[in-house]
Amino acid sequence: MFDFYMRVIIYFICFLMALFGMSAVDFNRFLKQGKVVQGQVLYFVLCCCLSYLMGSFVIALMYHFYRG
C-alpha cells in the first residue's frame, strides 16, 4: 500500500514540474489563430506524457538503487 502512495506522489510531483517547465514554451507560435481549446488540450496532454516519462524514470531509479 505504501508503494502505491509513493508512486502517486512521484507522478504528482513530476506533473507539477512538467507544468512549470512547459510554461516556458511559447505555444502561441505553434497554434492556429482561434484554436484556444485545442491548444489547451495539447498542453495538458503533453504535460501528462512528460510527467509519466519523468515519473517512470524516477521510479525505475528508485527500484534499481534501493531494492538491490
PDB file of N, CA and C in Angstrom:
ATOM      1  N   MET A   1       0.820  -1.191   0.000  1.00  0.00           N
ATOM      2  CA  MET A   1       0.000   0.000   0.000  1.00  0.00           C
ATOM      3  C   MET A   1       0.870   1.264   0.000  1.00  0.00           C
ATOM      4  N   PHE A   2       1.985   1.207   0.730  1.00  0.00           N
ATOM      5  CA  PHE A   2       2.906   2.337   0.756  1.00  0.00           C
ATOM      6  C   PHE A   2       3.483   2.593  -0.632  1.00  0.00           C
ATOM      7  N   ASP A   3       3.725   1.518  -1.381  1.00  0.00           N
ATOM      8  CA  ASP A   3       4.276   1.626  -2.727  1.00  0.00           C
ATOM      9  C   ASP A   3       3.324   2.400  -3.649  1.00  0.00           C
ATOM     10  N   PHE A   4       2.037   2.163  -3.507  1.00  0.00           N
ATOM     11  CA  PHE A   4       1.035   2.872  -4.317  1.00  0.00           C
ATOM     12  C   PHE A   4       1.062   4.369  -4.024  1.00  0.00           C
ATOM     13  N   TYR A   5       1.088   4.726  -2.751  1.00  0.00           N
ATOM     14  CA  TYR A   5       1.099   6.144  -2.380  1.00  0.00           C
ATOM     15  C   TYR A   5       2.382   6.825  -2.826  1.00  0.00           C
ATOM     16  N   MET A   6       3.482   6.114  -2.763  1.00  0.00           N
ATOM     17  CA  MET A   6       4.758   6.677  -3.201  1.00  0.00           C
ATOM     18  C   MET A   6       4.733   6.963  -4.704  1.00  0.00           C
ATOM     19  N   ARG A   7       4.161   6.046  -5.483  1.00  0.00           N
ATOM     20  CA  ARG A   7       4.052   6.268  -6.930  1.00  0.00           C
ATOM     21  C   ARG A   7       3.152   7.452  -7.246  1.00  0.00           C
ATOM     22  N   VAL A   8       2.042   7.571  -6.550  1.00  0.00           N
ATOM     23  CA  VAL A   8       1.122   8.688  -6.780  1.00  0.00           C
ATOM     24  C   VAL A   8       1.812  10.010  -6.462  1.00  0.00           C
ATOM     25  N   ILE A   9       2.550  10.057  -5.378  1.00  0.00           N
ATOM     26  CA  ILE A   9       3.252  11.285  -5.003  1.00  0.00           C
ATOM     27  C   ILE A   9       4.313  11.634  -6.039  1.00  0.00           C
ATOM     28  N   ILE A  10       5.060  10.634  -6.501  1.00  0.00           N
ATOM     29  CA  ILE A  10       6.102  10.881  -7.502  1.00  0.00           C
ATOM     30  C   ILE A  10       5.492  11.399  -8.794  1.00  0.00           C
ATOM     31  N   TYR A  11       4.423  10.761  -9.266  1.00  0.00           N
ATOM     32  CA  TYR A  11       3.793  11.209 -10.508  1.00  0.00           C
ATOM     33  C   TYR A  11       3.187  12.603 -10.357  1.00  0.00           C
ATOM     34  N   PHE A  12       2.634  12.901  -9.191  1.00  0.00           N
ATOM     35  CA  PHE A  12       2.052  14.230  -8.971  1.00  0.00           C
ATOM     36  C   PHE A  12       3.136  15.308  -8.958  1.00  0.00           C
ATOM     37  N   ILE A  13       4.252  15.039  -8.301  1.00  0.00           N
ATOM     38  CA  ILE A  13       5.359  15.998  -8.285  1.00  0.00           C
ATOM     39  C   ILE A  13       5.917  16.188  -9.689  1.00  0.00           C
ATOM     40  N   CYS A  14       6.034  15.101 -10.431  1.00  0.00           N
ATOM     41  CA  CYS A  14       6.509  15.205 -11.817  1.00  0.00           C
ATOM     42  C   CYS A  14       5.530  15.970 -12.687  1.00  0.00           C
ATOM     43  N   PHE A  15       4.237  15.832 -12.440  1.00  0.00           N
ATOM     44  CA  PHE A  15       3.239  16.591 -13.192  1.00  0.00           C
ATOM     45  C   PHE A  15       3.384  18.086 -12.912  1.00  0.00           C
ATOM     46  N   LEU A  16       3.588  18.444 -11.655  1.00  0.00           N
ATOM     47  CA  LEU A  16       3.778  19.853 -11.325  1.00  0.00           C
ATOM     48  C   LEU A  16       5.056  20.393 -11.952  1.00  0.00           C
ATOM     49  N   MET A  17       6.109  19.591 -11.961  1.00  0.00           N
ATOM     50  CA  MET A  17       7.357  20.012 -12.597  1.00  0.00           C
ATOM     51  C   MET A  17       7.170  20.178 -14.110  1.00  0.00           C
ATOM     52  N   ALA A  18       6.395  19.288 -14.721  1.00  0.00           N
ATOM     53  CA  ALA A  18       6.132  19.392 -16.163  1.00  0.00           C
ATOM     54  C   ALA A  18       5.321  20.652 -16.473  1.00  0.00           C
ATOM     55  N   LEU A  19       4.330  20.955 -15.647  1.00  0.00           N
ATOM     56  CA  LEU A  19       3.562  22.186 -15.841  1.00  0.00           C
ATOM     57  C   LEU A  19       4.458  23.409 -15.737  1.00  0.00           C
ATOM     58  N   PHE A  20       5.337  23.394 -14.748  1.00  0.00           N
ATOM     59  CA  PHE A  20       6.242  24.521 -14.547  1.00  0.00           C
ATOM     60  C   PHE A  20       7.210  24.652 -15.728  1.00  0.00           C
ATOM     61  N   GLY A  21       7.744  23.538 -16.178  1.00  0.00           N
ATOM     62  CA  GLY A  21       8.683  23.573 -17.293  1.00  0.00           C
ATOM     63  C   GLY A  21       8.038  23.948 -18.613  1.00  0.00           C
ATOM     64  N   MET A  22       6.830  23.462 -18.849  1.00  0.00           N
ATOM     65  CA  MET A  22       6.140  23.752 -20.116  1.00  0.00           C
ATOM     66  C   MET A  22       5.649  25.194 -20.180  1.00  0.00           C
ATOM     67  N   SER A  23       5.576  25.864 -19.031  1.00  0.00           N
ATOM     68  CA  SER A  23       5.135  27.261 -19.055  1.00  0.00           C
ATOM     69  C   SER A  23       6.166  28.165 -19.730  1.00  0.00           C
ATOM     70  N   ALA A  24       7.394  27.690 -19.902  1.00  0.00           N
ATOM     71  CA  ALA A  24       8.424  28.482 -20.560  1.00  0.00           C
ATOM     72  C   ALA A  24       8.304  28.446 -22.079  1.00  0.00           C
ATOM     73  N   VAL A  25       7.523  27.509 -22.615  1.00  0.00           N
ATOM     74  CA  VAL A  25       7.387  27.366 -24.064  1.00  0.00           C
ATOM     75  C   VAL A  25       6.261  28.277 -24.560  1.00  0.00           C
ATOM     76  N   ASP A  26       6.534  29.024 -25.626  1.00  0.00           N
ATOM     77  CA  ASP A  26       5.531  29.909 -26.209  1.00  0.00           C
ATOM     78  C   ASP A  26       4.718  29.118 -27.238  1.00  0.00           C
ATOM     79  N   PHE A  27       3.558  28.622 -26.817  1.00  0.00           N
ATOM     80  CA  PHE A  27       2.724  27.806 -27.688  1.00  0.00           C
ATOM     81  C   PHE A  27       1.932  28.639 -28.695  1.00  0.00           C
ATOM     82  N   ASN A  28       1.834  29.934 -28.472  1.00  0.00           N
ATOM     83  CA  ASN A  28       1.077  30.772 -29.404  1.00  0.00           C
ATOM     84  C   ASN A  28       1.707  30.779 -30.789  1.00  0.00           C
ATOM     85  N   ARG A  29       2.996  30.547 -30.853  1.00  0.00           N
ATOM     86  CA  ARG A  29       3.679  30.499 -32.146  1.00  0.00           C
ATOM     87  C   ARG A  29       3.264  29.282 -32.956  1.00  0.00           C
ATOM     88  N   PHE A  30       2.971  28.190 -32.273  1.00  0.00           N
ATOM     89  CA  PHE A  30       2.715  26.920 -32.947  1.00  0.00           C
ATOM     90  C   PHE A  30       1.237  26.661 -33.223  1.00  0.00           C
ATOM     91  N   LEU A  31       0.364  27.456 -32.657  1.00  0.00           N
ATOM     92  CA  LEU A  31      -1.071  27.210 -32.785  1.00  0.00           C
ATOM     93  C   LEU A  31      -1.693  28.095 -33.854  1.00  0.00           C
ATOM     94  N   LYS A  32      -2.754  27.601 -34.439  1.00  0.00           N
ATOM     95  CA  LYS A  32      -3.511  28.408 -35.393  1.00  0.00           C
ATOM     96  C   LYS A  32      -4.340  29.439 -34.638  1.00  0.00           C
ATOM     97  N   GLN A  33      -4.698  30.475 -35.349  1.00  0.00           N
ATOM     98  CA  GLN A  33      -5.499  31.541 -34.767  1.00  0.00           C
ATOM     99  C   GLN A  33      -6.883  31.011 -34.387  1.00  0.00           C
ATOM    100  N   GLY A  34      -7.321  31.239 -33.161  1.00  0.00           N
ATOM    101  CA  GLY A  34      -8.656  30.855 -32.720  1.00  0.00           C
ATOM    102  C   GLY A  34      -8.787  29.418 -32.238  1.00  0.00           C
ATOM    103  N   LYS A  35      -7.719  28.692 -32.102  1.00  0.00           N
ATOM    104  CA  LYS A  35      -7.756  27.298 -31.651  1.00  0.00           C
ATOM    105  C   LYS A  35      -7.272  27.205 -30.205  1.00  0.00           C
ATOM    106  N   VAL A  36      -7.934  27.926 -29.328  1.00  0.00           N
ATOM    107  CA  VAL A  36      -7.501  28.018 -27.938  1.00  0.00           C
ATOM    108  C   VAL A  36      -7.766  26.715 -27.183  1.00  0.00           C
ATOM    109  N   VAL A  37      -8.944  26.154 -27.354  1.00  0.00           N
ATOM    110  CA  VAL A  37      -9.302  24.934 -26.617  1.00  0.00           C
ATOM    111  C   VAL A  37      -8.405  23.774 -27.042  1.00  0.00           C
ATOM    112  N   GLN A  38      -8.164  23.652 -28.331  1.00  0.00           N
ATOM    113  CA  GLN A  38      -7.296  22.578 -28.813  1.00  0.00           C
ATOM    114  C   GLN A  38      -5.872  22.770 -28.299  1.00  0.00           C
ATOM    115  N   GLY A  39      -5.428  24.006 -28.196  1.00  0.00           N
ATOM    116  CA  GLY A  39      -4.103  24.293 -27.645  1.00  0.00           C
ATOM    117  C   GLY A  39      -3.995  23.927 -26.180  1.00  0.00           C
ATOM    118  N   GLN A  40      -5.052  24.186 -25.426  1.00  0.00           N
ATOM    119  CA  GLN A  40      -5.046  23.825 -24.002  1.00  0.00           C
ATOM    120  C   GLN A  40      -5.066  22.315 -23.815  1.00  0.00           C
ATOM    121  N   VAL A  41      -5.802  21.612 -24.656  1.00  0.00           N
ATOM    122  CA  VAL A  41      -5.821  20.150 -24.596  1.00  0.00           C
ATOM    123  C   VAL A  41      -4.444  19.596 -24.937  1.00  0.00           C
ATOM    124  N   LEU A  42      -3.823  20.146 -25.978  1.00  0.00           N
ATOM    125  CA  LEU A  42      -2.478  19.717 -26.354  1.00  0.00           C
ATOM    126  C   LEU A  42      -1.488  19.970 -25.223  1.00  0.00           C
ATOM    127  N   TYR A  43      -1.569  21.119 -24.587  1.00  0.00           N
ATOM    128  CA  TYR A  43      -0.703  21.464 -23.460  1.00  0.00           C
ATOM    129  C   TYR A  43      -0.879  20.458 -22.319  1.00  0.00           C
ATOM    130  N   PHE A  44      -2.112  20.123 -21.989  1.00  0.00           N
ATOM    131  CA  PHE A  44      -2.385  19.175 -20.905  1.00  0.00           C
ATOM    132  C   PHE A  44      -1.882  17.777 -21.252  1.00  0.00           C
ATOM    133  N   VAL A  45      -2.100  17.333 -22.483  1.00  0.00           N
ATOM    134  CA  VAL A  45      -1.645  16.003 -22.899  1.00  0.00           C
ATOM    135  C   VAL A  45      -0.123  15.931 -22.886  1.00  0.00           C
ATOM    136  N   LEU A  46       0.533  16.973 -23.372  1.00  0.00           N
ATOM    137  CA  LEU A  46       1.995  16.990 -23.346  1.00  0.00           C
ATOM    138  C   LEU A  46       2.531  16.978 -21.920  1.00  0.00           C
ATOM    139  N   CYS A  47       1.878  17.693 -21.021  1.00  0.00           N
ATOM    140  CA  CYS A  47       2.299  17.685 -19.608  1.00  0.00           C
ATOM    141  C   CYS A  47       2.094  16.301 -18.990  1.00  0.00           C
ATOM    142  N   CYS A  48       0.989  15.650 -19.319  1.00  0.00           N
ATOM    143  CA  CYS A  48       0.748  14.298 -18.803  1.00  0.00           C
ATOM    144  C   CYS A  48       1.794  13.317 -19.320  1.00  0.00           C
ATOM    145  N   CYS A  49       2.099  13.393 -20.604  1.00  0.00           N
ATOM    146  CA  CYS A  49       3.098  12.483 -21.182  1.00  0.00           C
ATOM    147  C   CYS A  49       4.472  12.720 -20.576  1.00  0.00           C
ATOM    148  N   LEU A  50       4.849  13.977 -20.447  1.00  0.00           N
ATOM    149  CA  LEU A  50       6.158  14.300 -19.886  1.00  0.00           C
ATOM    150  C   LEU A  50       6.252  13.881 -18.422  1.00  0.00           C
ATOM    151  N   SER A  51       5.183  14.079 -17.664  1.00  0.00           N
ATOM    152  CA  SER A  51       5.216  13.683 -16.255  1.00  0.00           C
ATOM    153  C   SER A  51       5.243  12.167 -16.103  1.00  0.00           C
ATOM    154  N   TYR A  52       4.579  11.440 -17.006  1.00  0.00           N
ATOM    155  CA  TYR A  52       4.632   9.981 -16.955  1.00  0.00           C
ATOM    156  C   TYR A  52       6.050   9.480 -17.241  1.00  0.00           C
ATOM    157  N   LEU A  53       6.693  10.062 -18.228  1.00  0.00           N
ATOM    158  CA  LEU A  53       8.060   9.660 -18.550  1.00  0.00           C
ATOM    159  C   LEU A  53       9.025   9.977 -17.404  1.00  0.00           C
ATOM    160  N   MET A  54       8.904  11.174 -16.836  1.00  0.00           N
ATOM    161  CA  MET A  54       9.780  11.548 -15.723  1.00  0.00           C
ATOM    162  C   MET A  54       9.520  10.670 -14.509  1.00  0.00           C
ATOM    163  N   GLY A  55       8.252  10.447 -14.189  1.00  0.00           N
ATOM    164  CA  GLY A  55       7.908   9.618 -13.038  1.00  0.00           C
ATOM    165  C   GLY A  55       8.370   8.183 -13.194  1.00  0.00           C
ATOM    166  N   SER A  56       8.210   7.631 -14.381  1.00  0.00           N
ATOM    167  CA  SER A  56       8.664   6.262 -14.631  1.00  0.00           C
ATOM    168  C   SER A  56      10.181   6.156 -14.483  1.00  0.00           C
ATOM    169  N   PHE A  57      10.890   7.176 -14.953  1.00  0.00           N
ATOM    170  CA  PHE A  57      12.338   7.185 -14.818  1.00  0.00           C
ATOM    171  C   PHE A  57      12.751   7.234 -13.349  1.00  0.00           C
ATOM    172  N   VAL A  58      12.118   8.091 -12.569  1.00  0.00           N
ATOM    173  CA  VAL A  58      12.451   8.210 -11.141  1.00  0.00           C
ATOM    174  C   VAL A  58      12.126   6.917 -10.399  1.00  0.00           C
ATOM    175  N   ILE A  59      10.992   6.314 -10.704  1.00  0.00           N
ATOM    176  CA  ILE A  59      10.607   5.064 -10.046  1.00  0.00           C
ATOM    177  C   ILE A  59      11.571   3.943 -10.416  1.00  0.00           C
ATOM    178  N   ALA A  60      11.980   3.889 -11.685  1.00  0.00           N
ATOM    179  CA  ALA A  60      12.948   2.866 -12.101  1.00  0.00           C
ATOM    180  C   ALA A  60      14.278   3.060 -11.393  1.00  0.00           C
ATOM    181  N   LEU A  61      14.705   4.302 -11.237  1.00  0.00           N
ATOM    182  CA  LEU A  61      15.943   4.562 -10.496  1.00  0.00           C
ATOM    183  C   LEU A  61      15.814   4.157  -9.034  1.00  0.00           C
ATOM    184  N   MET A  62      14.668   4.456  -8.440  1.00  0.00           N
ATOM    185  CA  MET A  62      14.470   4.086  -7.035  1.00  0.00           C
ATOM    186  C   MET A  62      14.533   2.579  -6.858  1.00  0.00           C
ATOM    187  N   TYR A  63      13.880   1.829  -7.723  1.00  0.00           N
ATOM    188  CA  TYR A  63      13.902   0.372  -7.611  1.00  0.00           C
ATOM    189  C   TYR A  63      15.293  -0.185  -7.869  1.00  0.00           C
ATOM    190  N   HIS A  64      16.015   0.437  -8.777  1.00  0.00           N
ATOM    191  CA  HIS A  64      17.357  -0.057  -9.085  1.00  0.00           C
ATOM    192  C   HIS A  64      18.316   0.145  -7.919  1.00  0.00           C
ATOM    193  N   PHE A  65      18.246   1.311  -7.280  1.00  0.00           N
ATOM    194  CA  PHE A  65      19.208   1.629  -6.228  1.00  0.00           C
ATOM    195  C   PHE A  65      18.781   1.177  -4.842  1.00  0.00           C
ATOM    196  N   TYR A  66      17.478   1.139  -4.567  1.00  0.00           N
ATOM    197  CA  TYR A  66      17.037   0.824  -3.216  1.00  0.00           C
ATOM    198  C   TYR A  66      16.542  -0.595  -3.047  1.00  0.00           C
ATOM    199  N   ARG A  67      16.198  -1.271  -4.105  1.00  0.00           N
ATOM    200  CA  ARG A  67      15.705  -2.652  -3.996  1.00  0.00           C
ATOM    201  C   ARG A  67      16.795  -3.672  -4.297  1.00  0.00           C
ATOM    202  N   GLY A  68      17.937  -3.195  -4.744  1.00  0.00           N
ATOM    203  CA  GLY A  68      19.052  -4.128  -4.993  1.00  0.00           C
ATOM    204  C   GLY A  68      19.076  -4.503  -6.365  1.00  0.00           C
TER     205      GLY A  68
END
